[in-house]
N, C-alpha and C. Protein backbone atom coordinates (compact mmCIF):
# COMPACT_ATOMS: atom_id res chain seq x y z
N MET A 1 86.06 128.14 79.35
CA MET A 1 87.00 127.55 80.30
C MET A 1 88.30 127.21 79.57
N THR A 2 89.39 127.42 80.23
CA THR A 2 90.68 127.03 79.66
C THR A 2 90.79 125.51 79.64
N GLY A 3 91.75 124.99 78.88
CA GLY A 3 91.95 123.55 78.79
C GLY A 3 92.49 122.98 80.09
N PRO A 4 92.39 121.65 80.25
CA PRO A 4 92.81 121.03 81.50
C PRO A 4 94.30 121.20 81.82
N ASP A 5 95.15 121.19 80.80
CA ASP A 5 96.58 121.39 81.07
C ASP A 5 96.82 122.81 81.61
N GLN A 6 96.15 123.79 81.04
CA GLN A 6 96.26 125.16 81.53
C GLN A 6 95.65 125.31 82.93
N ARG A 7 94.55 124.60 83.15
CA ARG A 7 93.87 124.65 84.46
C ARG A 7 94.79 124.12 85.55
N LEU A 8 95.51 123.02 85.27
CA LEU A 8 96.47 122.49 86.24
C LEU A 8 97.50 123.55 86.60
N GLU A 9 97.99 124.24 85.58
CA GLU A 9 98.99 125.29 85.81
C GLU A 9 98.40 126.42 86.66
N GLU A 10 97.18 126.83 86.34
CA GLU A 10 96.51 127.88 87.13
C GLU A 10 96.34 127.46 88.59
N LEU A 11 96.12 126.17 88.81
CA LEU A 11 95.96 125.64 90.17
C LEU A 11 97.30 125.43 90.87
N GLY A 12 98.39 125.69 90.15
CA GLY A 12 99.73 125.51 90.73
C GLY A 12 100.13 124.05 90.85
N LEU A 13 99.57 123.20 89.99
CA LEU A 13 99.83 121.76 90.07
C LEU A 13 100.62 121.29 88.86
N THR A 14 101.49 120.33 89.09
CA THR A 14 102.18 119.65 88.00
C THR A 14 101.94 118.16 88.18
N LEU A 15 101.88 117.46 87.07
CA LEU A 15 101.66 116.03 87.14
C LEU A 15 102.96 115.33 87.52
N PRO A 16 102.85 114.33 88.38
CA PRO A 16 104.05 113.58 88.80
C PRO A 16 104.53 112.67 87.68
N PRO A 17 105.76 112.16 87.83
CA PRO A 17 106.21 111.14 86.87
C PRO A 17 105.30 109.91 86.96
N LEU A 18 105.25 109.15 85.87
CA LEU A 18 104.42 107.94 85.87
C LEU A 18 104.88 106.97 86.93
N ARG A 19 103.93 106.42 87.68
CA ARG A 19 104.24 105.36 88.64
C ARG A 19 104.45 104.07 87.88
N GLN A 20 105.37 103.28 88.31
CA GLN A 20 105.60 101.97 87.71
C GLN A 20 104.57 101.00 88.28
N PRO A 21 104.01 100.13 87.44
CA PRO A 21 103.03 99.16 87.94
C PRO A 21 103.64 98.28 89.04
N ALA A 22 102.80 97.89 89.99
CA ALA A 22 103.24 97.05 91.10
C ALA A 22 103.20 95.57 90.74
N GLY A 23 102.76 95.26 89.53
CA GLY A 23 102.66 93.88 89.07
C GLY A 23 102.70 93.84 87.56
N HIS A 24 102.16 92.78 87.00
CA HIS A 24 102.18 92.58 85.55
C HIS A 24 100.91 93.17 84.94
N TYR A 25 100.92 94.47 84.69
CA TYR A 25 99.80 95.17 84.06
C TYR A 25 100.29 96.51 83.54
N ARG A 26 99.46 97.17 82.77
CA ARG A 26 99.76 98.50 82.24
C ARG A 26 99.03 99.54 83.09
N GLY A 27 99.54 100.74 83.05
CA GLY A 27 98.89 101.84 83.77
C GLY A 27 97.61 102.30 83.13
N TRP A 28 97.40 101.95 81.88
CA TRP A 28 96.18 102.33 81.17
C TRP A 28 95.93 101.38 80.01
N SER A 29 94.67 101.34 79.57
CA SER A 29 94.26 100.54 78.43
C SER A 29 93.17 101.30 77.70
N LEU A 30 93.33 101.45 76.39
CA LEU A 30 92.37 102.20 75.58
C LEU A 30 91.55 101.21 74.77
N ALA A 31 90.22 101.29 74.88
CA ALA A 31 89.31 100.44 74.11
C ALA A 31 88.27 101.35 73.46
N GLY A 32 88.44 101.59 72.17
CA GLY A 32 87.53 102.51 71.47
C GLY A 32 87.69 103.91 72.03
N ASP A 33 86.59 104.47 72.52
CA ASP A 33 86.66 105.83 73.07
C ASP A 33 86.64 105.83 74.60
N VAL A 34 86.99 104.68 75.22
CA VAL A 34 87.04 104.60 76.68
C VAL A 34 88.47 104.27 77.12
N LEU A 35 89.00 105.12 77.96
CA LEU A 35 90.32 104.92 78.54
C LEU A 35 90.14 104.40 79.95
N HIS A 36 90.67 103.21 80.21
CA HIS A 36 90.64 102.61 81.54
C HIS A 36 91.97 102.92 82.22
N LEU A 37 91.93 103.52 83.39
CA LEU A 37 93.13 103.86 84.14
C LEU A 37 93.27 102.91 85.32
N ALA A 38 94.42 102.25 85.39
CA ALA A 38 94.68 101.29 86.46
C ALA A 38 94.77 101.99 87.80
N GLY A 39 94.58 101.22 88.86
CA GLY A 39 94.64 101.75 90.21
C GLY A 39 95.94 102.49 90.49
N GLN A 40 95.80 103.64 91.13
CA GLN A 40 96.94 104.48 91.47
C GLN A 40 96.89 104.83 92.96
N GLY A 41 97.98 104.53 93.66
CA GLY A 41 98.17 105.03 95.02
C GLY A 41 99.01 106.29 94.91
N ALA A 42 99.50 106.77 96.04
CA ALA A 42 100.36 107.97 96.02
C ALA A 42 101.44 107.81 97.08
N ASP A 43 102.68 107.89 96.64
CA ASP A 43 103.81 107.79 97.56
C ASP A 43 103.69 108.82 98.68
N GLY A 44 104.06 108.41 99.88
CA GLY A 44 104.02 109.31 101.03
C GLY A 44 102.67 109.37 101.73
N HIS A 45 101.67 108.72 101.16
CA HIS A 45 100.33 108.73 101.75
C HIS A 45 99.98 107.30 102.17
N VAL A 46 100.46 106.93 103.34
CA VAL A 46 100.24 105.58 103.86
C VAL A 46 99.56 105.65 105.23
N GLY A 47 98.92 104.57 105.59
CA GLY A 47 98.25 104.51 106.89
C GLY A 47 96.78 104.19 106.75
N ARG A 48 96.09 104.20 107.89
CA ARG A 48 94.68 103.84 107.94
C ARG A 48 93.84 105.00 108.45
N LEU A 49 92.80 105.31 107.70
CA LEU A 49 91.85 106.33 108.15
C LEU A 49 91.12 105.80 109.37
N GLY A 50 90.94 106.65 110.34
CA GLY A 50 90.30 106.25 111.58
C GLY A 50 91.28 105.73 112.62
N ALA A 51 92.52 105.52 112.22
CA ALA A 51 93.57 105.08 113.16
C ALA A 51 94.69 106.11 113.14
N ASP A 52 95.55 106.06 112.12
CA ASP A 52 96.68 107.01 112.04
C ASP A 52 96.34 108.28 111.28
N LEU A 53 95.28 108.27 110.48
CA LEU A 53 95.00 109.39 109.58
C LEU A 53 93.60 109.96 109.80
N ALA A 54 93.50 111.28 109.63
CA ALA A 54 92.22 111.97 109.69
C ALA A 54 91.67 112.13 108.27
N VAL A 55 90.41 112.54 108.17
CA VAL A 55 89.77 112.73 106.87
C VAL A 55 90.59 113.68 106.00
N ALA A 56 91.12 114.75 106.56
CA ALA A 56 91.92 115.70 105.77
C ALA A 56 93.16 115.03 105.17
N ASP A 57 93.77 114.10 105.90
CA ASP A 57 94.91 113.35 105.36
C ASP A 57 94.47 112.48 104.19
N GLY A 58 93.34 111.83 104.34
CA GLY A 58 92.81 110.99 103.27
C GLY A 58 92.42 111.80 102.05
N TYR A 59 91.85 112.97 102.28
CA TYR A 59 91.49 113.88 101.18
C TYR A 59 92.74 114.24 100.38
N ALA A 60 93.82 114.57 101.07
CA ALA A 60 95.09 114.89 100.40
C ALA A 60 95.63 113.68 99.64
N ALA A 61 95.50 112.50 100.21
CA ALA A 61 95.95 111.28 99.53
C ALA A 61 95.15 111.04 98.26
N ALA A 62 93.84 111.21 98.33
CA ALA A 62 92.99 111.02 97.15
C ALA A 62 93.34 112.04 96.07
N ARG A 63 93.61 113.24 96.46
CA ARG A 63 94.02 114.29 95.50
C ARG A 63 95.32 113.88 94.81
N ALA A 64 96.29 113.38 95.58
CA ALA A 64 97.56 112.94 95.01
C ALA A 64 97.35 111.75 94.07
N CYS A 65 96.47 110.84 94.44
CA CYS A 65 96.16 109.70 93.56
C CYS A 65 95.54 110.19 92.25
N ALA A 66 94.67 111.19 92.33
CA ALA A 66 94.05 111.73 91.12
C ALA A 66 95.10 112.34 90.20
N LEU A 67 96.10 112.99 90.75
CA LEU A 67 97.19 113.52 89.91
C LEU A 67 97.92 112.38 89.21
N ASN A 68 98.11 111.26 89.91
CA ASN A 68 98.72 110.09 89.27
C ASN A 68 97.84 109.54 88.15
N LEU A 69 96.52 109.53 88.35
CA LEU A 69 95.61 109.11 87.28
C LEU A 69 95.74 110.03 86.07
N LEU A 70 95.81 111.33 86.32
CA LEU A 70 95.94 112.29 85.22
C LEU A 70 97.26 112.12 84.48
N ALA A 71 98.31 111.78 85.19
CA ALA A 71 99.60 111.53 84.54
C ALA A 71 99.48 110.32 83.60
N GLN A 72 98.77 109.28 84.03
CA GLN A 72 98.55 108.12 83.17
C GLN A 72 97.70 108.50 81.96
N ALA A 73 96.68 109.31 82.17
CA ALA A 73 95.82 109.74 81.06
C ALA A 73 96.62 110.55 80.04
N ARG A 74 97.47 111.45 80.51
CA ARG A 74 98.29 112.23 79.58
C ARG A 74 99.24 111.31 78.81
N ASP A 75 99.79 110.31 79.49
CA ASP A 75 100.67 109.36 78.82
C ASP A 75 99.92 108.63 77.70
N ALA A 76 98.69 108.23 77.97
CA ALA A 76 97.88 107.49 76.99
C ALA A 76 97.45 108.36 75.83
N LEU A 77 97.10 109.61 76.11
CA LEU A 77 96.43 110.45 75.12
C LEU A 77 97.32 111.54 74.52
N GLY A 78 98.44 111.83 75.15
CA GLY A 78 99.30 112.90 74.68
C GLY A 78 98.90 114.26 75.23
N SER A 79 97.62 114.44 75.51
CA SER A 79 97.11 115.70 76.05
C SER A 79 95.81 115.44 76.79
N LEU A 80 95.63 116.12 77.90
CA LEU A 80 94.38 115.99 78.66
C LEU A 80 93.21 116.66 77.93
N ASP A 81 93.50 117.45 76.89
CA ASP A 81 92.43 118.05 76.09
C ASP A 81 91.58 116.98 75.41
N ARG A 82 92.10 115.78 75.26
CA ARG A 82 91.35 114.70 74.61
C ARG A 82 90.32 114.05 75.54
N VAL A 83 90.33 114.40 76.83
CA VAL A 83 89.33 113.84 77.77
C VAL A 83 88.00 114.52 77.52
N ALA A 84 87.02 113.73 77.09
CA ALA A 84 85.68 114.27 76.85
C ALA A 84 84.82 114.24 78.11
N GLN A 85 85.04 113.22 78.96
CA GLN A 85 84.25 113.07 80.18
C GLN A 85 84.92 112.08 81.12
N VAL A 86 84.96 112.42 82.39
CA VAL A 86 85.34 111.44 83.41
C VAL A 86 84.06 110.65 83.69
N LEU A 87 84.07 109.38 83.34
CA LEU A 87 82.85 108.57 83.47
C LEU A 87 82.68 108.02 84.87
N VAL A 88 83.73 107.34 85.36
CA VAL A 88 83.63 106.64 86.64
C VAL A 88 84.93 106.82 87.41
N LEU A 89 84.81 107.05 88.69
CA LEU A 89 85.95 107.07 89.61
C LEU A 89 85.64 106.07 90.72
N ARG A 90 86.57 105.17 90.97
CA ARG A 90 86.43 104.23 92.08
C ARG A 90 87.52 104.52 93.09
N GLY A 91 87.12 104.68 94.35
CA GLY A 91 88.06 104.97 95.41
C GLY A 91 88.03 103.89 96.48
N TYR A 92 89.22 103.46 96.87
CA TYR A 92 89.39 102.46 97.92
C TYR A 92 90.17 103.12 99.04
N VAL A 93 89.65 103.06 100.25
CA VAL A 93 90.21 103.76 101.39
C VAL A 93 90.59 102.75 102.47
N THR A 94 91.87 102.70 102.83
CA THR A 94 92.31 101.84 103.92
C THR A 94 91.81 102.46 105.22
N CYS A 95 91.04 101.70 106.00
CA CYS A 95 90.43 102.30 107.18
C CYS A 95 90.12 101.25 108.24
N THR A 96 89.79 101.76 109.40
CA THR A 96 89.33 100.89 110.48
C THR A 96 87.91 100.42 110.17
N ASP A 97 87.47 99.41 110.89
CA ASP A 97 86.11 98.90 110.69
C ASP A 97 85.05 99.95 111.03
N GLU A 98 85.37 100.86 111.93
CA GLU A 98 84.40 101.86 112.38
C GLU A 98 84.35 103.09 111.48
N PHE A 99 85.34 103.28 110.63
CA PHE A 99 85.42 104.48 109.80
C PHE A 99 84.36 104.41 108.69
N THR A 100 83.55 105.45 108.58
CA THR A 100 82.46 105.46 107.58
C THR A 100 82.46 106.71 106.72
N ASP A 101 83.56 107.46 106.71
CA ASP A 101 83.59 108.71 105.96
C ASP A 101 84.38 108.60 104.66
N GLN A 102 84.33 107.42 104.02
CA GLN A 102 85.04 107.21 102.76
C GLN A 102 84.65 108.24 101.70
N PRO A 103 83.37 108.62 101.58
CA PRO A 103 83.03 109.62 100.57
C PRO A 103 83.77 110.95 100.75
N ALA A 104 83.96 111.40 101.98
CA ALA A 104 84.67 112.65 102.22
C ALA A 104 86.14 112.53 101.83
N VAL A 105 86.71 111.36 101.98
CA VAL A 105 88.10 111.12 101.58
C VAL A 105 88.22 111.19 100.06
N VAL A 106 87.37 110.46 99.35
CA VAL A 106 87.44 110.38 97.90
C VAL A 106 87.05 111.72 97.25
N ASP A 107 86.37 112.59 98.00
CA ASP A 107 86.10 113.94 97.50
C ASP A 107 87.39 114.67 97.11
N GLY A 108 88.52 114.31 97.71
CA GLY A 108 89.79 114.93 97.33
C GLY A 108 90.07 114.75 95.86
N ALA A 109 89.75 113.59 95.32
CA ALA A 109 89.93 113.32 93.89
C ALA A 109 88.81 113.95 93.07
N SER A 110 87.58 113.78 93.52
CA SER A 110 86.44 114.32 92.77
C SER A 110 86.54 115.83 92.63
N ASP A 111 86.91 116.51 93.71
CA ASP A 111 87.03 117.97 93.66
C ASP A 111 88.12 118.39 92.69
N LEU A 112 89.24 117.65 92.67
CA LEU A 112 90.32 117.98 91.75
C LEU A 112 89.88 117.78 90.30
N LEU A 113 89.22 116.66 90.01
CA LEU A 113 88.77 116.41 88.63
C LEU A 113 87.79 117.47 88.16
N ALA A 114 86.91 117.91 89.03
CA ALA A 114 85.97 118.98 88.68
C ALA A 114 86.71 120.30 88.45
N ALA A 115 87.73 120.57 89.25
CA ALA A 115 88.50 121.80 89.08
C ALA A 115 89.28 121.80 87.77
N VAL A 116 89.78 120.65 87.37
CA VAL A 116 90.60 120.55 86.16
C VAL A 116 89.73 120.50 84.90
N PHE A 117 88.63 119.76 84.92
CA PHE A 117 87.83 119.53 83.72
C PHE A 117 86.49 120.27 83.71
N GLY A 118 86.12 120.93 84.77
CA GLY A 118 84.81 121.56 84.82
C GLY A 118 83.72 120.50 84.80
N ALA A 119 82.64 120.76 84.07
CA ALA A 119 81.52 119.81 84.00
C ALA A 119 81.95 118.46 83.45
N ARG A 120 82.97 118.42 82.60
CA ARG A 120 83.46 117.15 82.05
C ARG A 120 84.09 116.28 83.13
N GLY A 121 84.42 116.87 84.28
CA GLY A 121 85.03 116.13 85.38
C GLY A 121 84.03 115.52 86.33
N GLU A 122 82.75 115.87 86.19
CA GLU A 122 81.71 115.28 87.05
C GLU A 122 81.54 113.82 86.64
N HIS A 123 81.35 112.92 87.60
CA HIS A 123 81.41 111.50 87.32
C HIS A 123 80.56 110.68 88.28
N ALA A 124 80.30 109.44 87.89
CA ALA A 124 79.73 108.46 88.81
C ALA A 124 80.89 107.99 89.70
N ARG A 125 80.58 107.51 90.90
CA ARG A 125 81.67 107.20 91.82
C ARG A 125 81.31 106.12 92.82
N THR A 126 82.35 105.42 93.24
CA THR A 126 82.25 104.46 94.34
C THR A 126 83.33 104.81 95.35
N ALA A 127 83.01 104.74 96.62
CA ALA A 127 83.99 104.95 97.70
C ALA A 127 83.85 103.79 98.68
N ILE A 128 84.88 102.95 98.74
CA ILE A 128 84.80 101.71 99.50
C ILE A 128 85.89 101.68 100.57
N GLY A 129 85.55 101.24 101.76
CA GLY A 129 86.53 101.03 102.81
C GLY A 129 87.12 99.63 102.71
N VAL A 130 88.44 99.55 102.84
CA VAL A 130 89.12 98.25 102.77
C VAL A 130 90.09 98.14 103.94
N ARG A 131 90.48 96.90 104.25
CA ARG A 131 91.39 96.66 105.36
C ARG A 131 92.83 96.99 105.01
N ALA A 132 93.25 96.75 103.76
CA ALA A 132 94.64 97.02 103.36
C ALA A 132 94.70 97.26 101.86
N LEU A 133 95.69 98.06 101.45
CA LEU A 133 95.96 98.32 100.04
C LEU A 133 97.44 98.06 99.77
N PRO A 134 97.81 97.83 98.51
CA PRO A 134 99.22 97.60 98.19
C PRO A 134 100.12 98.71 98.73
N ARG A 135 101.30 98.31 99.18
CA ARG A 135 102.33 99.22 99.66
C ARG A 135 101.88 100.11 100.82
N GLY A 136 100.81 99.71 101.50
CA GLY A 136 100.34 100.46 102.65
C GLY A 136 99.61 101.75 102.31
N PHE A 137 99.27 101.95 101.02
CA PHE A 137 98.60 103.19 100.62
C PHE A 137 97.33 103.42 101.42
N ALA A 138 97.08 104.68 101.74
CA ALA A 138 95.85 105.06 102.42
C ALA A 138 94.68 105.05 101.45
N VAL A 139 94.94 105.38 100.19
CA VAL A 139 93.89 105.49 99.17
C VAL A 139 94.43 104.93 97.86
N GLU A 140 93.57 104.28 97.10
CA GLU A 140 93.87 103.90 95.73
C GLU A 140 92.65 104.24 94.89
N LEU A 141 92.90 104.77 93.69
CA LEU A 141 91.83 105.14 92.77
C LEU A 141 92.04 104.48 91.43
N ASP A 142 90.95 104.15 90.75
CA ASP A 142 91.01 103.84 89.33
C ASP A 142 89.87 104.60 88.65
N ALA A 143 89.91 104.68 87.33
CA ALA A 143 88.92 105.51 86.64
C ALA A 143 88.72 105.03 85.21
N MET A 144 87.58 105.47 84.65
CA MET A 144 87.30 105.29 83.23
C MET A 144 86.94 106.66 82.66
N LEU A 145 87.55 106.98 81.51
CA LEU A 145 87.34 108.26 80.86
C LEU A 145 86.84 108.03 79.44
N ARG A 146 85.92 108.87 79.00
CA ARG A 146 85.54 108.89 77.57
C ARG A 146 86.47 109.87 76.90
N VAL A 147 87.04 109.47 75.77
CA VAL A 147 88.04 110.31 75.10
C VAL A 147 87.60 110.61 73.67
N ARG A 148 88.23 111.62 73.11
CA ARG A 148 87.95 111.97 71.70
C ARG A 148 89.22 111.88 70.89
């Protein structure tokens, strides 16, 4: 398999510029061989699943959030080649009380990570429905990566 940076190019994707933190924190923190990536929303992806947005909209939002996570990882590591394993992905989905398809929404990120990293992109995951997220984001993700 080609490296993750090459895989992004093959998929026709480029990483966005780093998002500025919405408060007093860093976009990433490295502790030993674990990189913690702070929560990332995605500009242009606002609203509530089950009200203004369909699952496909949420899937696209999660995919965009995952690209923001990868931009933070590249900033921390210099290259995505240093990612040994995506350990954990946590997804938060702004939704109505009746909406129960959070896993299908967060699949937008999981599918992207698997496409970019192959087996190294497979991960444990949480998909949680919430009433509101910062800046009206439809989806927010955070992650932990094992690095080399």
